PDB file of N, CA and C in Angstrom:
ATOM      1  N   MET A   1     -46.331 140.388  37.872  1.00  0.00           N
ATOM      2  CA  MET A   1     -46.532 140.625  36.661  1.00  0.00           C
ATOM      3  C   MET A   1     -46.939 139.339  35.870  1.00  0.00           C
ATOM      4  N   SER A   2     -47.678 139.979  34.847  1.00  0.00           N
ATOM      5  CA  SER A   2     -48.350 138.864  34.024  1.00  0.00           C
ATOM      6  C   SER A   2     -47.440 137.935  33.390  1.00  0.00           C
ATOM      7  N   ILE A   3     -47.916 136.742  33.084  1.00  0.00           N
ATOM      8  CA  ILE A   3     -47.334 135.599  32.286  1.00  0.00           C
ATOM      9  C   ILE A   3     -47.339 136.090  30.827  1.00  0.00           C
ATOM     10  N   ILE A   4     -48.216 136.760  30.557  1.00  0.00           N
ATOM     11  CA  ILE A   4     -48.526 137.293  28.960  1.00  0.00           C
ATOM     12  C   ILE A   4     -47.129 138.167  28.580  1.00  0.00           C
ATOM     13  N   VAL A   5     -46.626 139.118  29.453  1.00  0.00           N
ATOM     14  CA  VAL A   5     -45.541 140.182  29.404  1.00  0.00           C
ATOM     15  C   VAL A   5     -44.429 139.416  29.300  1.00  0.00           C
ATOM     16  N   TRP A   6     -44.406 138.085  30.060  1.00  0.00           N
ATOM     17  CA  TRP A   6     -42.952 137.381  30.080  1.00  0.00           C
ATOM     18  C   TRP A   6     -43.120 136.962  28.656  1.00  0.00           C
ATOM     19  N   ILE A   7     -44.062 136.285  28.295  1.00  0.00           N
ATOM     20  CA  ILE A   7     -44.166 135.531  26.827  1.00  0.00           C
ATOM     21  C   ILE A   7     -43.960 136.397  25.693  1.00  0.00           C
ATOM     22  N   ILE A   8     -44.342 138.019  25.785  1.00  0.00           N
ATOM     23  CA  ILE A   8     -44.038 138.795  24.605  1.00  0.00           C
ATOM     24  C   ILE A   8     -42.850 139.447  24.635  1.00  0.00           C
ATOM     25  N   ILE A   9     -42.318 139.885  25.928  1.00  0.00           N
ATOM     26  CA  ILE A   9     -40.737 140.191  26.156  1.00  0.00           C
ATOM     27  C   ILE A   9     -40.128 138.810  25.776  1.00  0.00           C
ATOM     28  N   GLY A  10     -40.306 137.993  26.439  1.00  0.00           N
ATOM     29  CA  GLY A  10     -39.022 136.992  26.037  1.00  0.00           C
ATOM     30  C   GLY A  10     -39.088 136.411  24.704  1.00  0.00           C
ATOM     31  N   GLY A  11     -40.113 136.479  23.818  1.00  0.00           N
ATOM     32  CA  GLY A  11     -40.390 136.232  22.737  1.00  0.00           C
ATOM     33  C   GLY A  11     -39.561 136.882  21.809  1.00  0.00           C
ATOM     34  N   LEU A  12     -39.844 138.542  22.152  1.00  0.00           N
ATOM     35  CA  LEU A  12     -38.895 139.515  21.135  1.00  0.00           C
ATOM     36  C   LEU A  12     -37.365 139.146  21.552  1.00  0.00           C
ATOM     37  N   ALA A  13     -37.181 139.310  22.748  1.00  0.00           N
ATOM     38  CA  ALA A  13     -35.715 139.207  23.265  1.00  0.00           C
ATOM     39  C   ALA A  13     -35.053 138.192  22.719  1.00  0.00           C
ATOM     40  N   GLY A  14     -35.853 136.922  22.879  1.00  0.00           N
ATOM     41  CA  GLY A  14     -35.399 135.745  22.117  1.00  0.00           C
ATOM     42  C   GLY A  14     -34.983 135.874  20.759  1.00  0.00           C
ATOM     43  N   TRP A  15     -35.905 136.369  19.999  1.00  0.00           N
ATOM     44  CA  TRP A  15     -35.702 136.506  18.717  1.00  0.00           C
ATOM     45  C   TRP A  15     -34.576 137.267  18.144  1.00  0.00           C
ATOM     46  N   ALA A  16     -34.380 138.149  19.197  1.00  0.00           N
ATOM     47  CA  ALA A  16     -33.346 139.162  18.645  1.00  0.00           C
ATOM     48  C   ALA A  16     -31.932 138.698  19.248  1.00  0.00           C
ATOM     49  N   GLY A  17     -32.124 138.065  20.284  1.00  0.00           N
ATOM     50  CA  GLY A  17     -30.679 137.471  20.838  1.00  0.00           C
ATOM     51  C   GLY A  17     -30.228 136.537  19.766  1.00  0.00           C
ATOM     52  N   SER A  18     -31.278 135.528  19.405  1.00  0.00           N
ATOM     53  CA  SER A  18     -30.971 134.695  18.358  1.00  0.00           C
ATOM     54  C   SER A  18     -30.485 135.080  16.835  1.00  0.00           C
ATOM     55  N   ALA A  19     -31.479 136.268  16.566  1.00  0.00           N
ATOM     56  CA  ALA A  19     -30.649 136.876  15.331  1.00  0.00           C
ATOM     57  C   ALA A  19     -29.009 137.399  15.924  1.00  0.00           C
ATOM     58  N   ILE A  20     -28.687 138.206  16.696  1.00  0.00           N
ATOM     59  CA  ILE A  20     -27.367 138.934  17.086  1.00  0.00           C
ATOM     60  C   ILE A  20     -26.316 137.498  16.799  1.00  0.00           C
ATOM     61  N   MET A  21     -26.692 136.383  17.599  1.00  0.00           N
ATOM     62  CA  MET A  21     -25.894 135.319  17.925  1.00  0.00           C
ATOM     63  C   MET A  21     -26.058 134.454  16.653  1.00  0.00           C
ATOM     64  N   LYS A  22     -26.728 134.532  15.686  1.00  0.00           N
ATOM     65  CA  LYS A  22     -26.543 133.856  14.468  1.00  0.00           C
ATOM     66  C   LYS A  22     -27.104 132.192  14.854  1.00  0.00           C
ATOM     67  N   SER A  23     -28.140 132.259  15.634  1.00  0.00           N
ATOM     68  CA  SER A  23     -28.753 130.874  16.428  1.00  0.00           C
ATOM     69  C   SER A  23     -29.845 130.574  15.737  1.00  0.00           C
ATOM     70  N   GLU A  24     -30.068 129.357  15.549  1.00  0.00           N
ATOM     71  CA  GLU A  24     -31.555 129.005  14.857  1.00  0.00           C
ATOM     72  C   GLU A  24     -32.407 128.677  15.882  1.00  0.00           C
ATOM     73  N   GLY A  25     -33.753 128.588  15.539  1.00  0.00           N
ATOM     74  CA  GLY A  25     -34.569 128.103  16.897  1.00  0.00           C
ATOM     75  C   GLY A  25     -36.009 128.491  16.199  1.00  0.00           C
ATOM     76  N   GLY A  26     -36.932 127.998  16.907  1.00  0.00           N
ATOM     77  CA  GLY A  26     -38.699 128.265  16.393  1.00  0.00           C
ATOM     78  C   GLY A  26     -39.212 129.235  17.341  1.00  0.00           C
ATOM     79  N   LEU A  27     -39.965 129.293  17.405  1.00  0.00           N
ATOM     80  CA  LEU A  27     -41.081 130.387  18.050  1.00  0.00           C
ATOM     81  C   LEU A  27     -40.915 129.982  19.866  1.00  0.00           C
ATOM     82  N   LEU A  28     -41.134 128.741  20.111  1.00  0.00           N
ATOM     83  CA  LEU A  28     -40.968 128.266  21.269  1.00  0.00           C
ATOM     84  C   LEU A  28     -39.766 128.262  22.032  1.00  0.00           C
ATOM     85  N   ARG A  29     -38.715 128.210  21.088  1.00  0.00           N
ATOM     86  CA  ARG A  29     -37.507 127.869  21.546  1.00  0.00           C
ATOM     87  C   ARG A  29     -36.677 129.705  21.928  1.00  0.00           C
ATOM     88  N   ASN A  30     -37.664 130.574  21.023  1.00  0.00           N
ATOM     89  CA  ASN A  30     -37.207 132.144  21.361  1.00  0.00           C
ATOM     90  C   ASN A  30     -37.801 132.572  22.572  1.00  0.00           C
ATOM     91  N   ILE A  31     -39.114 131.909  22.800  1.00  0.00           N
ATOM     92  CA  ILE A  31     -39.636 132.667  23.798  1.00  0.00           C
ATOM     93  C   ILE A  31     -39.137 132.095  25.480  1.00  0.00           C
ATOM     94  N   ILE A  32     -38.550 130.556  25.043  1.00  0.00           N
ATOM     95  CA  ILE A  32     -37.528 130.194  26.391  1.00  0.00           C
ATOM     96  C   ILE A  32     -36.594 130.930  26.540  1.00  0.00           C
ATOM     97  N   VAL A  33     -35.758 131.014  25.494  1.00  0.00           N
ATOM     98  CA  VAL A  33     -34.226 131.976  25.684  1.00  0.00           C
ATOM     99  C   VAL A  33     -34.555 133.253  26.038  1.00  0.00           C
ATOM    100  N   GLY A  34     -35.571 133.819  25.660  1.00  0.00           N
ATOM    101  CA  GLY A  34     -35.903 135.133  26.175  1.00  0.00           C
ATOM    102  C   GLY A  34     -36.174 135.233  27.947  1.00  0.00           C
ATOM    103  N   ILE A  35     -37.007 134.200  27.698  1.00  0.00           N
ATOM    104  CA  ILE A  35     -37.585 134.353  29.704  1.00  0.00           C
ATOM    105  C   ILE A  35     -36.419 133.792  30.589  1.00  0.00           C
ATOM    106  N   ILE A  36     -35.602 132.921  30.002  1.00  0.00           N
ATOM    107  CA  ILE A  36     -34.526 132.615  30.750  1.00  0.00           C
ATOM    108  C   ILE A  36     -33.215 133.981  30.778  1.00  0.00           C
ATOM    109  N   GLY A  37     -33.356 134.353  29.518  1.00  0.00           N
ATOM    110  CA  GLY A  37     -32.457 135.978  29.239  1.00  0.00           C
ATOM    111  C   GLY A  37     -33.144 136.870  30.307  1.00  0.00           C
ATOM    112  N   ALA A  38     -34.335 136.971  30.313  1.00  0.00           N
ATOM    113  CA  ALA A  38     -34.718 138.320  31.463  1.00  0.00           C
ATOM    114  C   ALA A  38     -34.366 137.703  32.524  1.00  0.00           C
ATOM    115  N   LEU A  39     -34.465 136.441  33.245  1.00  0.00           N
ATOM    116  CA  LEU A  39     -33.621 136.493  34.565  1.00  0.00           C
ATOM    117  C   LEU A  39     -32.055 136.556  34.534  1.00  0.00           C
ATOM    118  N   VAL A  40     -31.355 135.814  33.449  1.00  0.00           N
ATOM    119  CA  VAL A  40     -30.136 136.447  33.637  1.00  0.00           C
ATOM    120  C   VAL A  40     -29.737 137.760  33.307  1.00  0.00           C
ATOM    121  N   GLY A  41     -30.489 138.329  32.727  1.00  0.00           N
ATOM    122  CA  GLY A  41     -30.147 139.730  32.274  1.00  0.00           C
ATOM    123  C   GLY A  41     -30.394 140.633  34.100  1.00  0.00           C
ATOM    124  N   GLY A  42     -31.680 140.174  34.217  1.00  0.00           N
ATOM    125  CA  GLY A  42     -32.002 140.508  35.848  1.00  0.00           C
ATOM    126  C   GLY A  42     -31.026 140.412  36.885  1.00  0.00           C
ATOM    127  N   PHE A  43     -30.485 139.307  36.647  1.00  0.00           N
ATOM    128  CA  PHE A  43     -29.176 138.804  37.714  1.00  0.00           C
ATOM    129  C   PHE A  43     -27.925 139.615  37.474  1.00  0.00           C
ATOM    130  N   ILE A  44     -27.758 139.873  36.534  1.00  0.00           N
ATOM    131  CA  ILE A  44     -26.626 140.936  35.768  1.00  0.00           C
ATOM    132  C   ILE A  44     -26.456 142.091  36.304  1.00  0.00           C
ATOM    133  N   MET A  45     -28.053 142.507  35.998  1.00  0.00           N
ATOM    134  CA  MET A  45     -28.260 143.837  36.607  1.00  0.00           C
ATOM    135  C   MET A  45     -27.894 144.259  38.115  1.00  0.00           C
ATOM    136  N   SER A  46     -28.584 143.310  38.755  1.00  0.00           N
ATOM    137  CA  SER A  46     -28.389 143.037  40.320  1.00  0.00           C
ATOM    138  C   SER A  46     -26.922 143.358  40.606  1.00  0.00           C
ATOM    139  N   PHE A  47     -25.881 143.032  40.061  1.00  0.00           N
ATOM    140  CA  PHE A  47     -24.707 143.256  40.098  1.00  0.00           C
ATOM    141  C   PHE A  47     -23.923 144.758  39.992  1.00  0.00           C
ATOM    142  N   ILE A  48     -24.749 145.104  39.194  1.00  0.00           N
ATOM    143  CA  ILE A  48     -24.326 146.914  38.989  1.00  0.00           C
ATOM    144  C   ILE A  48     -24.998 147.630  39.563  1.00  0.00           C
ATOM    145  N   GLY A  49     -26.309 147.160  40.428  1.00  0.00           N
ATOM    146  CA  GLY A  49     -27.010 148.181  41.022  1.00  0.00           C
ATOM    147  C   GLY A  49     -27.897 148.855  40.428  1.00  0.00           C
ATOM    148  N   ALA A  50     -28.365 148.479  39.256  1.00  0.00           N
ATOM    149  CA  ALA A  50     -29.559 148.592  37.954  1.00  0.00           C
ATOM    150  C   ALA A  50     -30.759 147.722  38.395  1.00  0.00           C
ATOM    151  N   GLU A  51     -31.914 148.208  37.951  1.00  0.00           N
ATOM    152  CA  GLU A  51     -33.263 147.628  37.952  1.00  0.00           C
ATOM    153  C   GLU A  51     -33.023 146.562  36.625  1.00  0.00           C
ATOM    154  N   GLY A  52     -33.597 145.200  37.347  1.00  0.00           N
ATOM    155  CA  GLY A  52     -33.758 144.314  36.105  1.00  0.00           C
ATOM    156  C   GLY A  52     -35.108 144.409  35.466  1.00  0.00           C
ATOM    157  N   PHE A  53     -35.829 143.074  35.303  1.00  0.00           N
ATOM    158  CA  PHE A  53     -37.097 143.074  34.445  1.00  0.00           C
ATOM    159  C   PHE A  53     -38.181 143.742  35.034  1.00  0.00           C
ATOM    160  N   THR A  54     -38.443 145.021  34.561  1.00  0.00           N
ATOM    161  CA  THR A  54     -39.430 145.814  35.448  1.00  0.00           C
ATOM    162  C   THR A  54     -41.106 145.931  34.879  1.00  0.00           C
ATOM    163  N   GLY A  55     -41.323 144.977  33.803  1.00  0.00           N
ATOM    164  CA  GLY A  55     -42.576 145.064  33.321  1.00  0.00           C
ATOM    165  C   GLY A  55     -42.593 145.086  31.723  1.00  0.00           C
ATOM    166  N   PHE A  56     -43.535 145.762  30.864  1.00  0.00           N
ATOM    167  CA  PHE A  56     -43.759 145.785  29.667  1.00  0.00           C
ATOM    168  C   PHE A  56     -43.014 146.780  29.126  1.00  0.00           C
ATOM    169  N   ASN A  57     -41.667 147.346  28.803  1.00  0.00           N
ATOM    170  CA  ASN A  57     -41.086 148.482  28.727  1.00  0.00           C
ATOM    171  C   ASN A  57     -39.702 148.217  28.038  1.00  0.00           C
ATOM    172  N   LEU A  58     -39.122 149.415  27.279  1.00  0.00           N
ATOM    173  CA  LEU A  58     -37.898 149.638  26.552  1.00  0.00           C
ATOM    174  C   LEU A  58     -36.689 148.837  27.306  1.00  0.00           C
ATOM    175  N   TRP A  59     -36.835 149.107  28.879  1.00  0.00           N
ATOM    176  CA  TRP A  59     -35.599 148.688  29.966  1.00  0.00           C
ATOM    177  C   TRP A  59     -35.667 147.317  29.893  1.00  0.00           C
ATOM    178  N   SER A  60     -36.705 146.641  30.248  1.00  0.00           N
ATOM    179  CA  SER A  60     -36.977 145.126  30.340  1.00  0.00           C
ATOM    180  C   SER A  60     -36.721 144.408  28.937  1.00  0.00           C
ATOM    181  N   PHE A  61     -36.738 144.997  27.769  1.00  0.00           N
ATOM    182  CA  PHE A  61     -36.507 144.439  26.448  1.00  0.00           C
ATOM    183  C   PHE A  61     -35.054 144.577  26.709  1.00  0.00           C
ATOM    184  N   LEU A  62     -34.486 145.444  26.737  1.00  0.00           N
ATOM    185  CA  LEU A  62     -32.966 145.532  26.698  1.00  0.00           C
ATOM    186  C   LEU A  62     -32.420 144.618  27.895  1.00  0.00           C
ATOM    187  N   VAL A  63     -32.532 144.643  29.366  1.00  0.00           N
ATOM    188  CA  VAL A  63     -32.256 143.675  30.122  1.00  0.00           C
ATOM    189  C   VAL A  63     -32.401 142.372  29.410  1.00  0.00           C
ATOM    190  N   ALA A  64     -33.614 141.560  28.934  1.00  0.00           N
ATOM    191  CA  ALA A  64     -33.987 140.376  28.293  1.00  0.00           C
ATOM    192  C   ALA A  64     -32.682 139.988  27.040  1.00  0.00           C
ATOM    193  N   LEU A  65     -32.721 141.136  26.268  1.00  0.00           N
ATOM    194  CA  LEU A  65     -31.706 140.874  25.393  1.00  0.00           C
ATOM    195  C   LEU A  65     -30.380 140.987  25.302  1.00  0.00           C
ATOM    196  N   LEU A  66     -29.871 141.449  26.655  1.00  0.00           N
ATOM    197  CA  LEU A  66     -28.740 141.497  27.191  1.00  0.00           C
ATOM    198  C   LEU A  66     -28.596 139.738  27.685  1.00  0.00           C
ATOM    199  N   GLY A  67     -29.450 139.563  28.506  1.00  0.00           N
ATOM    200  CA  GLY A  67     -29.495 138.197  29.154  1.00  0.00           C
ATOM    201  C   GLY A  67     -29.714 136.802  28.158  1.00  0.00           C
ATOM    202  N   SER A  68     -30.230 137.114  27.178  1.00  0.00           N
ATOM    203  CA  SER A  68     -30.644 136.204  26.028  1.00  0.00           C
ATOM    204  C   SER A  68     -29.154 136.096  25.235  1.00  0.00           C
ATOM    205  N   VAL A  69     -28.574 137.119  24.891  1.00  0.00           N
ATOM    206  CA  VAL A  69     -27.372 137.219  24.154  1.00  0.00           C
ATOM    207  C   VAL A  69     -26.001 136.252  25.394  1.00  0.00           C
ATOM    208  N   VAL A  70     -26.351 136.819  26.309  1.00  0.00           N
ATOM    209  CA  VAL A  70     -25.278 136.015  27.506  1.00  0.00           C
ATOM    210  C   VAL A  70     -25.465 134.566  27.581  1.00  0.00           C
ATOM    211  N   PHE A  71     -26.768 134.060  27.575  1.00  0.00           N
ATOM    212  CA  PHE A  71     -27.550 132.885  27.984  1.00  0.00           C
ATOM    213  C   PHE A  71     -26.783 131.934  26.254  1.00  0.00           C
ATOM    214  N   LEU A  72     -26.971 132.788  25.316  1.00  0.00           N
ATOM    215  CA  LEU A  72     -26.900 131.922  24.213  1.00  0.00           C
ATOM    216  C   LEU A  72     -25.469 131.328  24.278  1.00  0.00           C
ATOM    217  N   GLY A  73     -24.789 132.672  24.114  1.00  0.00           N
ATOM    218  CA  GLY A  73     -23.207 132.523  24.417  1.00  0.00           C
ATOM    219  C   GLY A  73     -22.632 131.510  24.934  1.00  0.00           C
ATOM    220  N   VAL A  74     -23.213 131.363  26.384  1.00  0.00           N
ATOM    221  CA  VAL A  74     -22.802 130.145  27.365  1.00  0.00           C
ATOM    222  C   VAL A  74     -23.153 128.917  26.669  1.00  0.00           C
ATOM    223  N   MET A  75     -24.486 129.003  26.133  1.00  0.00           N
ATOM    224  CA  MET A  75     -24.563 127.349  25.739  1.00  0.00           C
ATOM    225  C   MET A  75     -24.049 127.063  24.447  1.00  0.00           C
ATOM    226  N   GLY A  76     -23.680 128.096  23.586  1.00  0.00           N
ATOM    227  CA  GLY A  76     -22.914 128.140  22.596  1.00  0.00           C
ATOM    228  C   GLY A  76     -21.479 127.131  22.933  1.00  0.00           C
ATOM    229  N   ILE A  77     -20.731 127.726  24.043  1.00  0.00           N
ATOM    230  CA  ILE A  77     -19.460 127.374  24.553  1.00  0.00           C
ATOM    231  C   ILE A  77     -19.725 125.843  25.082  1.00  0.00           C
ATOM    232  N   PHE A  78     -20.739 125.413  25.918  1.00  0.00           N
ATOM    233  CA  PHE A  78     -21.118 124.089  26.266  1.00  0.00           C
ATOM    234  C   PHE A  78     -21.309 123.134  25.270  1.00  0.00           C
ATOM    235  N   THR A  79     -21.998 123.813  24.411  1.00  0.00           N
ATOM    236  CA  THR A  79     -22.531 122.803  23.125  1.00  0.00           C
ATOM    237  C   THR A  79     -21.461 122.691  21.832  1.00  0.00           C
ATOM    238  N   LYS A  80     -20.167 123.588  22.234  1.00  0.00           N
ATOM    239  CA  LYS A  80     -19.285 123.499  21.027  1.00  0.00           C
ATOM    240  C   LYS A  80     -19.511 123.722  19.869  1.00  0.00           C
ATOM    241  N   ARG A  81     -20.756 124.602  20.025  1.00  0.00           N
ATOM    242  CA  ARG A  81     -20.881 125.163  18.617  1.00  0.00           C
ATOM    243  C   ARG A  81     -20.578 126.639  17.989  1.00  0.00           C
ATOM    244  N   ALA A  82     -20.145 126.511  16.950  1.00  0.00           N
ATOM    245  CA  ALA A  82     -19.461 127.814  16.435  1.00  0.00           C
ATOM    246  C   ALA A  82     -20.199 128.893  16.174  1.00  0.00           C
ATOM    247  N   THR A  83     -20.448 129.915  16.788  1.00  0.00           N
ATOM    248  CA  THR A  83     -21.609 130.859  16.252  1.00  0.00           C
ATOM    249  C   THR A  83     -20.968 131.879  15.491  1.00  0.00           C
TER     250      THR A  83
END
């Protein structure tokens, strides 16, 4: 899978996840959060037997968004920042 797809989906999912969790950050942070979110979301999906990040499509965006929200929530707990 192309790194460009990871960056685009990661950026969108990171931005949406940051908006949902009311977290601030720039473009690079959103991309990183989204890419990590895609990995976390894929890991979560493997537990329920669903496909993870499959490419440039809506399902991959939703998986990355779920992972981004989970990742930001966990980071918020560890940094003790109120969200």
